[in-house]
């Protein structure tokens, strides 16, 4: 079993089904003395590319950033 488990939660609802499942996973991992690292993306500020929105008025869908190519 790994020494540390990284859980990345992308769900937006607090105390929703995903949070319940993650809590069960954490309980199981802790019973095996495994360290847990939980990242809740809903607590992070993640913004759209402002260059596309500013210059074109919409999001440019490309495989790379519009400022790079």
C-alpha atoms as a PDB file:
ATOM      1  CA  UNK A   1       0.000   0.000   0.000  1.00  0.00           C
ATOM      2  CA  UNK A   2       1.312   3.497  -0.802  1.00  0.00           C
ATOM      3  CA  UNK A   3       2.605   5.754   1.959  1.00  0.00           C
ATOM      4  CA  UNK A   4       0.480   8.693   0.811  1.00  0.00           C
ATOM      5  CA  UNK A   5      -2.749   8.889  -1.160  1.00  0.00           C
ATOM      6  CA  UNK A   6      -3.575  12.040  -3.114  1.00  0.00           C
ATOM      7  CA  UNK A   7      -7.287  12.733  -3.610  1.00  0.00           C
ATOM      8  CA  UNK A   8      -8.332  15.537  -5.956  1.00  0.00           C
ATOM      9  CA  UNK A   9     -11.968  16.464  -5.516  1.00  0.00           C
ATOM     10  CA  UNK A  10     -13.467  18.400  -8.421  1.00  0.00           C
ATOM     11  CA  UNK A  11     -17.058  18.353  -7.162  1.00  0.00           C
ATOM     12  CA  UNK A  12     -18.652  21.733  -6.520  1.00  0.00           C
ATOM     13  CA  UNK A  13     -21.293  20.646  -3.976  1.00  0.00           C
ATOM     14  CA  UNK A  14     -20.272  20.610  -0.327  1.00  0.00           C
ATOM     15  CA  UNK A  15     -21.416  17.417   1.453  1.00  0.00           C
ATOM     16  CA  UNK A  16     -22.611  15.903  -1.813  1.00  0.00           C
ATOM     17  CA  UNK A  17     -22.217  12.285  -2.931  1.00  0.00           C
ATOM     18  CA  UNK A  18     -18.601  12.786  -3.960  1.00  0.00           C
ATOM     19  CA  UNK A  19     -17.681  14.164  -0.540  1.00  0.00           C
ATOM     20  CA  UNK A  20     -19.388  11.197   1.132  1.00  0.00           C
ATOM     21  CA  UNK A  21     -17.474   8.696  -1.003  1.00  0.00           C
ATOM     22  CA  UNK A  22     -14.184  10.523  -0.454  1.00  0.00           C
ATOM     23  CA  UNK A  23     -14.761  10.494   3.306  1.00  0.00           C
ATOM     24  CA  UNK A  24     -15.207   6.690   3.195  1.00  0.00           C
ATOM     25  CA  UNK A  25     -11.982   6.353   1.185  1.00  0.00           C
ATOM     26  CA  UNK A  26     -10.157   8.521   3.726  1.00  0.00           C
ATOM     27  CA  UNK A  27     -11.495   6.434   6.634  1.00  0.00           C
ATOM     28  CA  UNK A  28     -10.266   3.233   4.978  1.00  0.00           C
ATOM     29  CA  UNK A  29      -6.868   4.680   4.170  1.00  0.00           C
ATOM     30  CA  UNK A  30      -6.379   6.013   7.684  1.00  0.00           C
ATOM     31  CA  UNK A  31      -7.273   2.627   9.166  1.00  0.00           C
ATOM     32  CA  UNK A  32      -4.301   1.294   7.172  1.00  0.00           C
ATOM     33  CA  UNK A  33      -2.087   4.109   8.549  1.00  0.00           C
ATOM     34  CA  UNK A  34      -1.829   5.771   5.158  1.00  0.00           C
ATOM     35  CA  UNK A  35      -1.270   9.517   4.899  1.00  0.00           C
ATOM     36  CA  UNK A  36      -3.923  11.429   2.985  1.00  0.00           C
ATOM     37  CA  UNK A  37      -3.528  14.566   0.901  1.00  0.00           C
ATOM     38  CA  UNK A  38      -6.911  16.014  -0.098  1.00  0.00           C
ATOM     39  CA  UNK A  39      -7.223  18.867  -2.590  1.00  0.00           C
ATOM     40  CA  UNK A  40     -10.670  20.388  -3.012  1.00  0.00           C
ATOM     41  CA  UNK A  41     -10.686  22.268  -6.294  1.00  0.00           C
ATOM     42  CA  UNK A  42     -13.787  24.215  -5.237  1.00  0.00           C
ATOM     43  CA  UNK A  43     -11.543  26.035  -2.750  1.00  0.00           C
ATOM     44  CA  UNK A  44      -9.112  27.127  -5.463  1.00  0.00           C
ATOM     45  CA  UNK A  45      -9.467  30.141  -7.695  1.00  0.00           C
ATOM     46  CA  UNK A  46      -9.300  28.805 -11.251  1.00  0.00           C
ATOM     47  CA  UNK A  47     -10.005  31.347 -13.975  1.00  0.00           C
ATOM     48  CA  UNK A  48     -10.499  31.173 -17.717  1.00  0.00           C
ATOM     49  CA  UNK A  49      -7.855  32.487 -20.078  1.00  0.00           C
ATOM     50  CA  UNK A  50      -8.401  36.252 -19.968  1.00  0.00           C
ATOM     51  CA  UNK A  51      -6.315  36.842 -23.108  1.00  0.00           C
ATOM     52  CA  UNK A  52      -8.828  35.011 -25.322  1.00  0.00           C
ATOM     53  CA  UNK A  53     -11.798  36.661 -23.647  1.00  0.00           C
ATOM     54  CA  UNK A  54     -10.240  40.128 -23.873  1.00  0.00           C
ATOM     55  CA  UNK A  55      -8.973  39.944 -27.453  1.00  0.00           C
ATOM     56  CA  UNK A  56     -11.670  37.867 -29.115  1.00  0.00           C
ATOM     57  CA  UNK A  57     -14.708  38.155 -26.833  1.00  0.00           C
ATOM     58  CA  UNK A  58     -14.949  34.366 -26.603  1.00  0.00           C
ATOM     59  CA  UNK A  59     -12.820  31.426 -25.612  1.00  0.00           C
ATOM     60  CA  UNK A  60     -10.545  30.204 -28.388  1.00  0.00           C
ATOM     61  CA  UNK A  61     -10.507  26.406 -28.433  1.00  0.00           C
ATOM     62  CA  UNK A  62      -7.003  25.349 -29.424  1.00  0.00           C
ATOM     63  CA  UNK A  63      -4.656  22.637 -28.304  1.00  0.00           C
ATOM     64  CA  UNK A  64      -2.328  25.280 -26.948  1.00  0.00           C
ATOM     65  CA  UNK A  65      -2.661  28.728 -25.448  1.00  0.00           C
ATOM     66  CA  UNK A  66      -3.484  31.398 -28.009  1.00  0.00           C
ATOM     67  CA  UNK A  67      -0.615  33.537 -26.716  1.00  0.00           C
ATOM     68  CA  UNK A  68       1.912  30.847 -27.629  1.00  0.00           C
ATOM     69  CA  UNK A  69       1.120  30.245 -31.252  1.00  0.00           C
END
